[in-house]
């Protein structure tokens, strides 16, 4: 019962509050040309660090470039122009497949630092 309730609660297709939250997050990510996977911190979770190490160099370089651009825009108190914001895909994942592979390979090594 609790798992069905929690699955409904976080599903943006069924719960209007989850949909509002997802849209708000997407809006903020589009302003800085970020993807949701860019928010994961490799220093906080060793699985993320290992997954990033296993990704192709081009993908990691693109991630680093997006993070640098976002920091630059934030420091300047600016956003991307509306034309570029419209074509962004903030929830297109590049890390989830590799993260699932790393989690399956190291099932007992989920270290999270506080």
PDB file of N, CA and C in Angstrom:
ATOM      1  N   UNK A   1       0.822  -1.197   0.000  1.00  0.00           N
ATOM      2  CA  UNK A   1       0.000   0.000   0.000  1.00  0.00           C
ATOM      3  C   UNK A   1       0.861   1.255   0.000  1.00  0.00           C
ATOM      4  N   UNK A   2       1.871   1.284   0.840  1.00  0.00           N
ATOM      5  CA  UNK A   2       2.724   2.458   0.923  1.00  0.00           C
ATOM      6  C   UNK A   2       3.528   2.642  -0.359  1.00  0.00           C
ATOM      7  N   UNK A   3       3.974   1.561  -0.953  1.00  0.00           N
ATOM      8  CA  UNK A   3       4.747   1.693  -2.183  1.00  0.00           C
ATOM      9  C   UNK A   3       3.887   2.222  -3.327  1.00  0.00           C
ATOM     10  N   UNK A   4       2.616   1.822  -3.391  1.00  0.00           N
ATOM     11  CA  UNK A   4       1.719   2.351  -4.416  1.00  0.00           C
ATOM     12  C   UNK A   4       1.471   3.838  -4.204  1.00  0.00           C
ATOM     13  N   UNK A   5       1.301   4.224  -2.951  1.00  0.00           N
ATOM     14  CA  UNK A   5       1.082   5.632  -2.642  1.00  0.00           C
ATOM     15  C   UNK A   5       2.321   6.457  -2.972  1.00  0.00           C
ATOM     16  N   UNK A   6       3.488   5.962  -2.601  1.00  0.00           N
ATOM     17  CA  UNK A   6       4.708   6.712  -2.896  1.00  0.00           C
ATOM     18  C   UNK A   6       4.978   6.754  -4.395  1.00  0.00           C
ATOM     19  N   UNK A   7       4.670   5.681  -5.127  1.00  0.00           N
ATOM     20  CA  UNK A   7       4.845   5.684  -6.582  1.00  0.00           C
ATOM     21  C   UNK A   7       3.909   6.696  -7.231  1.00  0.00           C
ATOM     22  N   UNK A   8       2.679   6.809  -6.747  1.00  0.00           N
ATOM     23  CA  UNK A   8       1.747   7.796  -7.272  1.00  0.00           C
ATOM     24  C   UNK A   8       2.221   9.204  -6.929  1.00  0.00           C
ATOM     25  N   UNK A   9       2.740   9.371  -5.721  1.00  0.00           N
ATOM     26  CA  UNK A   9       3.121  10.697  -5.242  1.00  0.00           C
ATOM     27  C   UNK A   9       4.244  11.308  -6.059  1.00  0.00           C
ATOM     28  N   UNK A  10       5.206  10.521  -6.513  1.00  0.00           N
ATOM     29  CA  UNK A  10       6.354  11.058  -7.244  1.00  0.00           C
ATOM     30  C   UNK A  10       6.190  10.968  -8.759  1.00  0.00           C
ATOM     31  N   UNK A  11       5.105  10.402  -9.249  1.00  0.00           N
ATOM     32  CA  UNK A  11       4.899  10.248 -10.683  1.00  0.00           C
ATOM     33  C   UNK A  11       4.288  11.524 -11.262  1.00  0.00           C
ATOM     34  N   UNK A  12       5.034  12.257 -12.112  1.00  0.00           N
ATOM     35  CA  UNK A  12       4.495  13.506 -12.657  1.00  0.00           C
ATOM     36  C   UNK A  12       3.328  13.304 -13.620  1.00  0.00           C
ATOM     37  N   UNK A  13       3.162  12.102 -14.156  1.00  0.00           N
ATOM     38  CA  UNK A  13       2.036  11.853 -15.061  1.00  0.00           C
ATOM     39  C   UNK A  13       0.722  11.725 -14.306  1.00  0.00           C
ATOM     40  N   UNK A  14       0.786  11.333 -13.044  1.00  0.00           N
ATOM     41  CA  UNK A  14      -0.433  11.116 -12.264  1.00  0.00           C
ATOM     42  C   UNK A  14      -0.687  12.183 -11.209  1.00  0.00           C
ATOM     43  N   UNK A  15       0.355  12.665 -10.587  1.00  0.00           N
ATOM     44  CA  UNK A  15       0.208  13.634  -9.505  1.00  0.00           C
ATOM     45  C   UNK A  15       0.453  15.042 -10.041  1.00  0.00           C
ATOM     46  N   UNK A  16      -0.536  15.929  -9.936  1.00  0.00           N
ATOM     47  CA  UNK A  16      -0.341  17.288 -10.453  1.00  0.00           C
ATOM     48  C   UNK A  16       0.729  18.067  -9.690  1.00  0.00           C
ATOM     49  N   UNK A  17       0.914  17.792  -8.412  1.00  0.00           N
ATOM     50  CA  UNK A  17       1.965  18.484  -7.660  1.00  0.00           C
ATOM     51  C   UNK A  17       3.355  18.051  -8.128  1.00  0.00           C
ATOM     52  N   UNK A  18       3.520  16.774  -8.423  1.00  0.00           N
ATOM     53  CA  UNK A  18       4.793  16.297  -8.965  1.00  0.00           C
ATOM     54  C   UNK A  18       5.038  16.906 -10.339  1.00  0.00           C
ATOM     55  N   UNK A  19       3.995  17.071 -11.121  1.00  0.00           N
ATOM     56  CA  UNK A  19       4.126  17.689 -12.445  1.00  0.00           C
ATOM     57  C   UNK A  19       4.556  19.144 -12.313  1.00  0.00           C
ATOM     58  N   UNK A  20       3.967  19.860 -11.366  1.00  0.00           N
ATOM     59  CA  UNK A  20       4.355  21.255 -11.133  1.00  0.00           C
ATOM     60  C   UNK A  20       5.821  21.345 -10.707  1.00  0.00           C
ATOM     61  N   UNK A  21       6.224  20.448  -9.828  1.00  0.00           N
ATOM     62  CA  UNK A  21       7.615  20.454  -9.377  1.00  0.00           C
ATOM     63  C   UNK A  21       8.567  20.141 -10.530  1.00  0.00           C
ATOM     64  N   UNK A  22       8.233  19.136 -11.339  1.00  0.00           N
ATOM     65  CA  UNK A  22       9.085  18.774 -12.476  1.00  0.00           C
ATOM     66  C   UNK A  22       9.197  19.943 -13.454  1.00  0.00           C
ATOM     67  N   UNK A  23       8.098  20.631 -13.719  1.00  0.00           N
ATOM     68  CA  UNK A  23       8.125  21.775 -14.622  1.00  0.00           C
ATOM     69  C   UNK A  23       8.960  22.918 -14.061  1.00  0.00           C
ATOM     70  N   UNK A  24       8.896  23.127 -12.750  1.00  0.00           N
ATOM     71  CA  UNK A  24       9.695  24.179 -12.122  1.00  0.00           C
ATOM     72  C   UNK A  24      11.182  23.845 -12.199  1.00  0.00           C
ATOM     73  N   UNK A  25      11.521  22.588 -11.957  1.00  0.00           N
ATOM     74  CA  UNK A  25      12.921  22.167 -12.057  1.00  0.00           C
ATOM     75  C   UNK A  25      13.411  22.289 -13.501  1.00  0.00           C
ATOM     76  N   UNK A  26      12.588  21.869 -14.437  1.00  0.00           N
ATOM     77  CA  UNK A  26      12.960  21.967 -15.853  1.00  0.00           C
ATOM     78  C   UNK A  26      13.177  23.415 -16.270  1.00  0.00           C
ATOM     79  N   UNK A  27      12.340  24.300 -15.782  1.00  0.00           N
ATOM     80  CA  UNK A  27      12.474  25.713 -16.104  1.00  0.00           C
ATOM     81  C   UNK A  27      13.803  26.273 -15.599  1.00  0.00           C
ATOM     82  N   UNK A  28      14.152  25.915 -14.361  1.00  0.00           N
ATOM     83  CA  UNK A  28      15.418  26.393 -13.797  1.00  0.00           C
ATOM     84  C   UNK A  28      16.617  25.812 -14.535  1.00  0.00           C
ATOM     85  N   UNK A  29      16.550  24.547 -14.909  1.00  0.00           N
ATOM     86  CA  UNK A  29      17.656  23.928 -15.626  1.00  0.00           C
ATOM     87  C   UNK A  29      17.813  24.511 -17.027  1.00  0.00           C
ATOM     88  N   UNK A  30      16.702  24.808 -17.690  1.00  0.00           N
ATOM     89  CA  UNK A  30      16.769  25.395 -19.033  1.00  0.00           C
ATOM     90  C   UNK A  30      17.416  26.769 -19.015  1.00  0.00           C
ATOM     91  N   UNK A  31      17.193  27.525 -17.963  1.00  0.00           N
ATOM     92  CA  UNK A  31      17.760  28.873 -17.881  1.00  0.00           C
ATOM     93  C   UNK A  31      19.283  28.853 -17.912  1.00  0.00           C
ATOM     94  N   UNK A  32      19.871  27.775 -17.411  1.00  0.00           N
ATOM     95  CA  UNK A  32      21.326  27.670 -17.361  1.00  0.00           C
ATOM     96  C   UNK A  32      21.891  26.633 -18.327  1.00  0.00           C
ATOM     97  N   UNK A  33      21.025  26.023 -19.137  1.00  0.00           N
ATOM     98  CA  UNK A  33      21.404  24.992 -20.116  1.00  0.00           C
ATOM     99  C   UNK A  33      22.037  23.791 -19.425  1.00  0.00           C
ATOM    100  N   UNK A  34      21.402  23.360 -18.352  1.00  0.00           N
ATOM    101  CA  UNK A  34      21.867  22.197 -17.604  1.00  0.00           C
ATOM    102  C   UNK A  34      20.938  21.019 -17.837  1.00  0.00           C
ATOM    103  N   UNK A  35      21.429  19.840 -17.519  1.00  0.00           N
ATOM    104  CA  UNK A  35      20.607  18.637 -17.492  1.00  0.00           C
ATOM    105  C   UNK A  35      20.511  18.183 -16.043  1.00  0.00           C
ATOM    106  N   UNK A  36      19.490  17.409 -15.754  1.00  0.00           N
ATOM    107  CA  UNK A  36      19.276  16.963 -14.374  1.00  0.00           C
ATOM    108  C   UNK A  36      20.466  16.137 -13.873  1.00  0.00           C
ATOM    109  N   UNK A  37      21.068  15.339 -14.747  1.00  0.00           N
ATOM    110  CA  UNK A  37      22.211  14.523 -14.351  1.00  0.00           C
ATOM    111  C   UNK A  37      23.431  15.368 -13.985  1.00  0.00           C
ATOM    112  N   UNK A  38      23.482  16.608 -14.442  1.00  0.00           N
ATOM    113  CA  UNK A  38      24.592  17.496 -14.092  1.00  0.00           C
ATOM    114  C   UNK A  38      24.576  17.861 -12.616  1.00  0.00           C
ATOM    115  N   UNK A  39      23.449  17.696 -11.961  1.00  0.00           N
ATOM    116  CA  UNK A  39      23.326  18.078 -10.554  1.00  0.00           C
ATOM    117  C   UNK A  39      23.927  17.049  -9.606  1.00  0.00           C
ATOM    118  N   UNK A  40      24.192  15.848 -10.091  1.00  0.00           N
ATOM    119  CA  UNK A  40      24.793  14.824  -9.242  1.00  0.00           C
ATOM    120  C   UNK A  40      26.235  15.201  -8.913  1.00  0.00           C
ATOM    121  N   UNK A  41      26.614  15.041  -7.658  1.00  0.00           N
ATOM    122  CA  UNK A  41      27.945  15.427  -7.189  1.00  0.00           C
ATOM    123  C   UNK A  41      28.835  14.197  -7.072  1.00  0.00           C
ATOM    124  N   UNK A  42      29.911  14.108  -7.860  1.00  0.00           N
ATOM    125  CA  UNK A  42      30.783  12.930  -7.788  1.00  0.00           C
ATOM    126  C   UNK A  42      31.574  12.853  -6.485  1.00  0.00           C
ATOM    127  N   UNK A  43      31.693  13.950  -5.762  1.00  0.00           N
ATOM    128  CA  UNK A  43      32.409  13.922  -4.491  1.00  0.00           C
ATOM    129  C   UNK A  43      31.519  13.460  -3.349  1.00  0.00           C
ATOM    130  N   UNK A  44      30.227  13.453  -3.583  1.00  0.00           N
ATOM    131  CA  UNK A  44      29.277  13.042  -2.552  1.00  0.00           C
ATOM    132  C   UNK A  44      28.952  11.554  -2.635  1.00  0.00           C
ATOM    133  N   UNK A  45      28.979  10.999  -3.819  1.00  0.00           N
ATOM    134  CA  UNK A  45      28.595   9.607  -4.032  1.00  0.00           C
ATOM    135  C   UNK A  45      29.648   8.937  -4.910  1.00  0.00           C
ATOM    136  N   UNK A  46      30.245   7.876  -4.424  1.00  0.00           N
ATOM    137  CA  UNK A  46      31.291   7.192  -5.178  1.00  0.00           C
ATOM    138  C   UNK A  46      30.750   6.469  -6.400  1.00  0.00           C
ATOM    139  N   UNK A  47      29.487   6.078  -6.396  1.00  0.00           N
ATOM    140  CA  UNK A  47      28.885   5.467  -7.584  1.00  0.00           C
ATOM    141  C   UNK A  47      28.818   6.472  -8.730  1.00  0.00           C
ATOM    142  N   UNK A  48      28.490   7.704  -8.426  1.00  0.00           N
ATOM    143  CA  UNK A  48      28.454   8.756  -9.441  1.00  0.00           C
ATOM    144  C   UNK A  48      29.864   8.996  -9.978  1.00  0.00           C
ATOM    145  N   UNK A  49      30.823   9.031  -9.093  1.00  0.00           N
ATOM    146  CA  UNK A  49      32.215   9.245  -9.512  1.00  0.00           C
ATOM    147  C   UNK A  49      32.682   8.127 -10.437  1.00  0.00           C
ATOM    148  N   UNK A  50      32.365   6.894 -10.104  1.00  0.00           N
ATOM    149  CA  UNK A  50      32.760   5.758 -10.935  1.00  0.00           C
ATOM    150  C   UNK A  50      32.015   5.768 -12.270  1.00  0.00           C
ATOM    151  N   UNK A  51      30.735   6.113 -12.249  1.00  0.00           N
ATOM    152  CA  UNK A  51      29.966   6.169 -13.495  1.00  0.00           C
ATOM    153  C   UNK A  51      30.516   7.253 -14.423  1.00  0.00           C
ATOM    154  N   UNK A  52      30.887   8.404 -13.866  1.00  0.00           N
ATOM    155  CA  UNK A  52      31.470   9.465 -14.688  1.00  0.00           C
ATOM    156  C   UNK A  52      32.826   9.043 -15.242  1.00  0.00           C
ATOM    157  N   UNK A  53      33.587   8.276 -14.478  1.00  0.00           N
ATOM    158  CA  UNK A  53      34.889   7.813 -14.953  1.00  0.00           C
ATOM    159  C   UNK A  53      34.744   6.822 -16.103  1.00  0.00           C
ATOM    160  N   UNK A  54      33.637   6.118 -16.154  1.00  0.00           N
ATOM    161  CA  UNK A  54      33.425   5.117 -17.204  1.00  0.00           C
ATOM    162  C   UNK A  54      32.748   5.686 -18.452  1.00  0.00           C
ATOM    163  N   UNK A  55      32.231   6.871 -18.374  1.00  0.00           N
ATOM    164  CA  UNK A  55      31.590   7.483 -19.539  1.00  0.00           C
ATOM    165  C   UNK A  55      32.644   7.919 -20.558  1.00  0.00           C
ATOM    166  N   UNK A  56      32.257   8.049 -21.825  1.00  0.00           N
ATOM    167  CA  UNK A  56      33.196   8.555 -22.827  1.00  0.00           C
ATOM    168  C   UNK A  56      33.659   9.974 -22.488  1.00  0.00           C
ATOM    169  N   UNK A  57      34.848  10.288 -22.906  1.00  0.00           N
ATOM    170  CA  UNK A  57      35.466  11.577 -22.593  1.00  0.00           C
ATOM    171  C   UNK A  57      34.621  12.756 -23.092  1.00  0.00           C
ATOM    172  N   UNK A  58      34.001  12.601 -24.268  1.00  0.00           N
ATOM    173  CA  UNK A  58      33.203  13.689 -24.844  1.00  0.00           C
ATOM    174  C   UNK A  58      32.002  14.020 -23.970  1.00  0.00           C
ATOM    175  N   UNK A  59      31.400  13.005 -23.390  1.00  0.00           N
ATOM    176  CA  UNK A  59      30.221  13.212 -22.538  1.00  0.00           C
ATOM    177  C   UNK A  59      30.617  13.947 -21.256  1.00  0.00           C
ATOM    178  N   UNK A  60      31.735  13.559 -20.665  1.00  0.00           N
ATOM    179  CA  UNK A  60      32.209  14.206 -19.444  1.00  0.00           C
ATOM    180  C   UNK A  60      32.645  15.644 -19.740  1.00  0.00           C
ATOM    181  N   UNK A  61      33.297  15.853 -20.884  1.00  0.00           N
ATOM    182  CA  UNK A  61      33.694  17.214 -21.255  1.00  0.00           C
ATOM    183  C   UNK A  61      32.477  18.112 -21.481  1.00  0.00           C
ATOM    184  N   UNK A  62      31.437  17.566 -22.117  1.00  0.00           N
ATOM    185  CA  UNK A  62      30.211  18.345 -22.326  1.00  0.00           C
ATOM    186  C   UNK A  62      29.565  18.691 -20.982  1.00  0.00           C
ATOM    187  N   UNK A  63      29.576  17.748 -20.044  1.00  0.00           N
ATOM    188  CA  UNK A  63      29.030  17.991 -18.702  1.00  0.00           C
ATOM    189  C   UNK A  63      29.801  19.116 -18.006  1.00  0.00           C
ATOM    190  N   UNK A  64      31.126  19.029 -18.059  1.00  0.00           N
ATOM    191  CA  UNK A  64      31.953  20.062 -17.428  1.00  0.00           C
ATOM    192  C   UNK A  64      31.730  21.425 -18.075  1.00  0.00           C
ATOM    193  N   UNK A  65      31.555  21.440 -19.385  1.00  0.00           N
ATOM    194  CA  UNK A  65      31.296  22.698 -20.078  1.00  0.00           C
ATOM    195  C   UNK A  65      29.949  23.286 -19.676  1.00  0.00           C
ATOM    196  N   UNK A  66      28.938  22.442 -19.535  1.00  0.00           N
ATOM    197  CA  UNK A  66      27.625  22.929 -19.088  1.00  0.00           C
ATOM    198  C   UNK A  66      27.715  23.500 -17.674  1.00  0.00           C
ATOM    199  N   UNK A  67      28.456  22.822 -16.801  1.00  0.00           N
ATOM    200  CA  UNK A  67      28.595  23.314 -15.426  1.00  0.00           C
ATOM    201  C   UNK A  67      29.346  24.648 -15.385  1.00  0.00           C
ATOM    202  N   UNK A  68      30.400  24.778 -16.184  1.00  0.00           N
ATOM    203  CA  UNK A  68      31.145  26.048 -16.234  1.00  0.00           C
ATOM    204  C   UNK A  68      30.270  27.175 -16.769  1.00  0.00           C
ATOM    205  N   UNK A  69      29.490  26.887 -17.823  1.00  0.00           N
ATOM    206  CA  UNK A  69      28.615  27.891 -18.396  1.00  0.00           C
ATOM    207  C   UNK A  69      27.558  28.313 -17.373  1.00  0.00           C
ATOM    208  N   UNK A  70      27.018  27.359 -16.640  1.00  0.00           N
ATOM    209  CA  UNK A  70      25.999  27.672 -15.636  1.00  0.00           C
ATOM    210  C   UNK A  70      26.581  28.537 -14.522  1.00  0.00           C
ATOM    211  N   UNK A  71      27.795  28.218 -14.087  1.00  0.00           N
ATOM    212  CA  UNK A  71      28.428  29.044 -13.049  1.00  0.00           C
ATOM    213  C   UNK A  71      28.697  30.448 -13.559  1.00  0.00           C
ATOM    214  N   UNK A  72      29.129  30.557 -14.814  1.00  0.00           N
ATOM    215  CA  UNK A  72      29.396  31.863 -15.392  1.00  0.00           C
ATOM    216  C   UNK A  72      28.117  32.692 -15.491  1.00  0.00           C
ATOM    217  N   UNK A  73      27.048  32.078 -15.988  1.00  0.00           N
ATOM    218  CA  UNK A  73      25.773  32.792 -16.082  1.00  0.00           C
ATOM    219  C   UNK A  73      25.253  33.186 -14.703  1.00  0.00           C
ATOM    220  N   UNK A  74      25.422  32.319 -13.738  1.00  0.00           N
ATOM    221  CA  UNK A  74      24.957  32.617 -12.388  1.00  0.00           C
ATOM    222  C   UNK A  74      25.741  33.778 -11.778  1.00  0.00           C
ATOM    223  N   UNK A  75      27.045  33.789 -12.000  1.00  0.00           N
ATOM    224  CA  UNK A  75      27.861  34.880 -11.458  1.00  0.00           C
ATOM    225  C   UNK A  75      27.510  36.221 -12.101  1.00  0.00           C
ATOM    226  N   UNK A  76      27.122  36.183 -13.362  1.00  0.00           N
ATOM    227  CA  UNK A  76      26.744  37.401 -14.074  1.00  0.00           C
ATOM    228  C   UNK A  76      25.282  37.783 -13.853  1.00  0.00           C
ATOM    229  N   UNK A  77      24.530  36.942 -13.132  1.00  0.00           N
ATOM    230  CA  UNK A  77      23.095  37.151 -12.898  1.00  0.00           C
ATOM    231  C   UNK A  77      22.344  37.253 -14.223  1.00  0.00           C
ATOM    232  N   UNK A  78      22.663  36.327 -15.133  1.00  0.00           N
ATOM    233  CA  UNK A  78      22.022  36.286 -16.444  1.00  0.00           C
ATOM    234  C   UNK A  78      21.471  34.897 -16.694  1.00  0.00           C
ATOM    235  N   UNK A  79      20.603  34.796 -17.698  1.00  0.00           N
ATOM    236  CA  UNK A  79      20.074  33.520 -18.162  1.00  0.00           C
ATOM    237  C   UNK A  79      20.348  33.401 -19.650  1.00  0.00           C
ATOM    238  N   UNK A  80      20.178  32.199 -20.169  1.00  0.00           N
ATOM    239  CA  UNK A  80      20.259  32.008 -21.614  1.00  0.00           C
ATOM    240  C   UNK A  80      19.130  32.767 -22.291  1.00  0.00           C
ATOM    241  N   UNK A  81      19.342  33.099 -23.556  1.00  0.00           N
ATOM    242  CA  UNK A  81      18.270  33.760 -24.296  1.00  0.00           C
ATOM    243  C   UNK A  81      17.129  32.763 -24.501  1.00  0.00           C
ATOM    244  N   UNK A  82      15.943  33.267 -24.705  1.00  0.00           N
ATOM    245  CA  UNK A  82      14.741  32.430 -24.780  1.00  0.00           C
ATOM    246  C   UNK A  82      14.790  31.420 -25.913  1.00  0.00           C
ATOM    247  N   UNK A  83      15.428  31.768 -27.031  1.00  0.00           N
ATOM    248  CA  UNK A  83      15.513  30.825 -28.154  1.00  0.00           C
ATOM    249  C   UNK A  83      16.296  29.582 -27.769  1.00  0.00           C
ATOM    250  N   UNK A  84      17.391  29.751 -27.036  1.00  0.00           N
ATOM    251  CA  UNK A  84      18.187  28.604 -26.601  1.00  0.00           C
ATOM    252  C   UNK A  84      17.497  27.828 -25.481  1.00  0.00           C
ATOM    253  N   UNK A  85      16.754  28.519 -24.639  1.00  0.00           N
ATOM    254  CA  UNK A  85      16.031  27.835 -23.567  1.00  0.00           C
ATOM    255  C   UNK A  85      14.955  26.911 -24.133  1.00  0.00           C
ATOM    256  N   UNK A  86      14.366  27.306 -25.241  1.00  0.00           N
ATOM    257  CA  UNK A  86      13.267  26.534 -25.813  1.00  0.00           C
ATOM    258  C   UNK A  86      13.720  25.180 -26.352  1.00  0.00           C
ATOM    259  N   UNK A  87      14.975  25.072 -26.761  1.00  0.00           N
ATOM    260  CA  UNK A  87      15.439  23.814 -27.369  1.00  0.00           C
ATOM    261  C   UNK A  87      16.156  22.901 -26.381  1.00  0.00           C
ATOM    262  N   UNK A  88      16.211  23.270 -25.121  1.00  0.00           N
ATOM    263  CA  UNK A  88      16.909  22.467 -24.135  1.00  0.00           C
ATOM    264  C   UNK A  88      16.096  21.251 -23.722  1.00  0.00           C
ATOM    265  N   UNK A  89      16.811  20.185 -23.384  1.00  0.00           N
ATOM    266  CA  UNK A  89      16.187  18.936 -22.919  1.00  0.00           C
ATOM    267  C   UNK A  89      16.797  18.579 -21.566  1.00  0.00           C
ATOM    268  N   UNK A  90      16.286  19.165 -20.480  1.00  0.00           N
ATOM    269  CA  UNK A  90      16.927  18.981 -19.186  1.00  0.00           C
ATOM    270  C   UNK A  90      16.795  17.589 -18.595  1.00  0.00           C
ATOM    271  N   UNK A  91      15.844  16.789 -19.052  1.00  0.00           N
ATOM    272  CA  UNK A  91      15.676  15.464 -18.469  1.00  0.00           C
ATOM    273  C   UNK A  91      16.170  14.345 -19.382  1.00  0.00           C
ATOM    274  N   UNK A  92      16.926  14.681 -20.426  1.00  0.00           N
ATOM    275  CA  UNK A  92      17.557  13.645 -21.240  1.00  0.00           C
ATOM    276  C   UNK A  92      18.785  13.154 -20.461  1.00  0.00           C
ATOM    277  N   UNK A  93      18.740  11.911 -20.073  1.00  0.00           N
ATOM    278  CA  UNK A  93      19.765  11.368 -19.187  1.00  0.00           C
ATOM    279  C   UNK A  93      20.954  10.823 -19.963  1.00  0.00           C
ATOM    280  N   UNK A  94      22.138  11.070 -19.448  1.00  0.00           N
ATOM    281  CA  UNK A  94      23.342  10.477 -20.001  1.00  0.00           C
ATOM    282  C   UNK A  94      24.055   9.614 -18.963  1.00  0.00           C
ATOM    283  N   UNK A  95      23.601   9.654 -17.732  1.00  0.00           N
ATOM    284  CA  UNK A  95      24.304   8.997 -16.638  1.00  0.00           C
ATOM    285  C   UNK A  95      23.572   7.769 -16.099  1.00  0.00           C
ATOM    286  N   UNK A  96      22.289   7.654 -16.325  1.00  0.00           N
ATOM    287  CA  UNK A  96      21.499   6.614 -15.662  1.00  0.00           C
ATOM    288  C   UNK A  96      21.899   5.200 -16.078  1.00  0.00           C
ATOM    289  N   UNK A  97      22.185   4.979 -17.362  1.00  0.00           N
ATOM    290  CA  UNK A  97      22.574   3.632 -17.801  1.00  0.00           C
ATOM    291  C   UNK A  97      23.890   3.198 -17.166  1.00  0.00           C
ATOM    292  N   UNK A  98      24.864   4.095 -17.169  1.00  0.00           N
ATOM    293  CA  UNK A  98      26.164   3.759 -16.586  1.00  0.00           C
ATOM    294  C   UNK A  98      26.058   3.637 -15.071  1.00  0.00           C
ATOM    295  N   UNK A  99      25.223   4.434 -14.458  1.00  0.00           N
ATOM    296  CA  UNK A  99      25.020   4.354 -13.009  1.00  0.00           C
ATOM    297  C   UNK A  99      24.380   3.025 -12.627  1.00  0.00           C
ATOM    298  N   UNK A 100      23.433   2.559 -13.427  1.00  0.00           N
ATOM    299  CA  UNK A 100      22.822   1.250 -13.170  1.00  0.00           C
ATOM    300  C   UNK A 100      23.849   0.143 -13.324  1.00  0.00           C
ATOM    301  N   UNK A 101      24.736   0.261 -14.306  1.00  0.00           N
ATOM    302  CA  UNK A 101      25.792  -0.731 -14.514  1.00  0.00           C
ATOM    303  C   UNK A 101      26.759  -0.752 -13.333  1.00  0.00           C
ATOM    304  N   UNK A 102      27.153   0.422 -12.861  1.00  0.00           N
ATOM    305  CA  UNK A 102      28.068   0.515 -11.722  1.00  0.00           C
ATOM    306  C   UNK A 102      27.397  -0.023 -10.459  1.00  0.00           C
ATOM    307  N   UNK A 103      26.133   0.305 -10.255  1.00  0.00           N
ATOM    308  CA  UNK A 103      25.423  -0.184  -9.078  1.00  0.00           C
ATOM    309  C   UNK A 103      25.265  -1.704  -9.110  1.00  0.00           C
ATOM    310  N   UNK A 104      25.086  -2.272 -10.297  1.00  0.00           N
ATOM    311  CA  UNK A 104      24.986  -3.727 -10.415  1.00  0.00           C
ATOM    312  C   UNK A 104      26.347  -4.388 -10.220  1.00  0.00           C
ATOM    313  N   UNK A 105      27.402  -3.715 -10.638  1.00  0.00           N
ATOM    314  CA  UNK A 105      28.746  -4.274 -10.533  1.00  0.00           C
ATOM    315  C   UNK A 105      29.262  -4.224  -9.100  1.00  0.00           C
ATOM    316  N   UNK A 106      28.943  -3.145  -8.392  1.00  0.00           N
ATOM    317  CA  UNK A 106      29.354  -2.973  -6.998  1.00  0.00           C
ATOM    318  C   UNK A 106      28.122  -2.871  -6.111  1.00  0.00           C
ATOM    319  N   UNK A 107      27.392  -3.959  -5.873  1.00  0.00           N
ATOM    320  CA  UNK A 107      26.122  -3.846  -5.134  1.00  0.00           C
ATOM    321  C   UNK A 107      26.290  -3.483  -3.666  1.00  0.00           C
ATOM    322  N   UNK A 108      27.379  -3.852  -3.052  1.00  0.00           N
ATOM    323  CA  UNK A 108      27.526  -3.595  -1.623  1.00  0.00           C
ATOM    324  C   UNK A 108      28.375  -2.376  -1.331  1.00  0.00           C
ATOM    325  N   UNK A 109      28.744  -1.619  -2.327  1.00  0.00           N
ATOM    326  CA  UNK A 109      29.658  -0.491  -2.142  1.00  0.00           C
ATOM    327  C   UNK A 109      28.960   0.837  -2.340  1.00  0.00           C
ATOM    328  N   UNK A 110      27.824   1.033  -1.730  1.00  0.00           N
ATOM    329  CA  UNK A 110      27.116   2.301  -1.836  1.00  0.00           C
ATOM    330  C   UNK A 110      27.555   3.193  -0.693  1.00  0.00           C
ATOM    331  N   UNK A 111      28.624   3.937  -0.924  1.00  0.00           N
ATOM    332  CA  UNK A 111      29.139   4.840   0.086  1.00  0.00           C
ATOM    333  C   UNK A 111      28.658   6.230  -0.219  1.00  0.00           C
ATOM    334  N   UNK A 112      28.033   6.851   0.744  1.00  0.00           N
ATOM    335  CA  UNK A 112      27.594   8.224   0.602  1.00  0.00           C
ATOM    336  C   UNK A 112      28.182   8.999   1.778  1.00  0.00           C
ATOM    337  N   UNK A 113      28.886  10.057   1.451  1.00  0.00           N
ATOM    338  CA  UNK A 113      29.508  10.854   2.500  1.00  0.00           C
ATOM    339  C   UNK A 113      28.559  11.941   2.967  1.00  0.00           C
ATOM    340  N   UNK A 114      28.546  12.200   4.235  1.00  0.00           N
ATOM    341  CA  UNK A 114      27.669  13.247   4.771  1.00  0.00           C
ATOM    342  C   UNK A 114      28.433  14.528   4.882  1.00  0.00           C
TER     343      UNK A 114
END
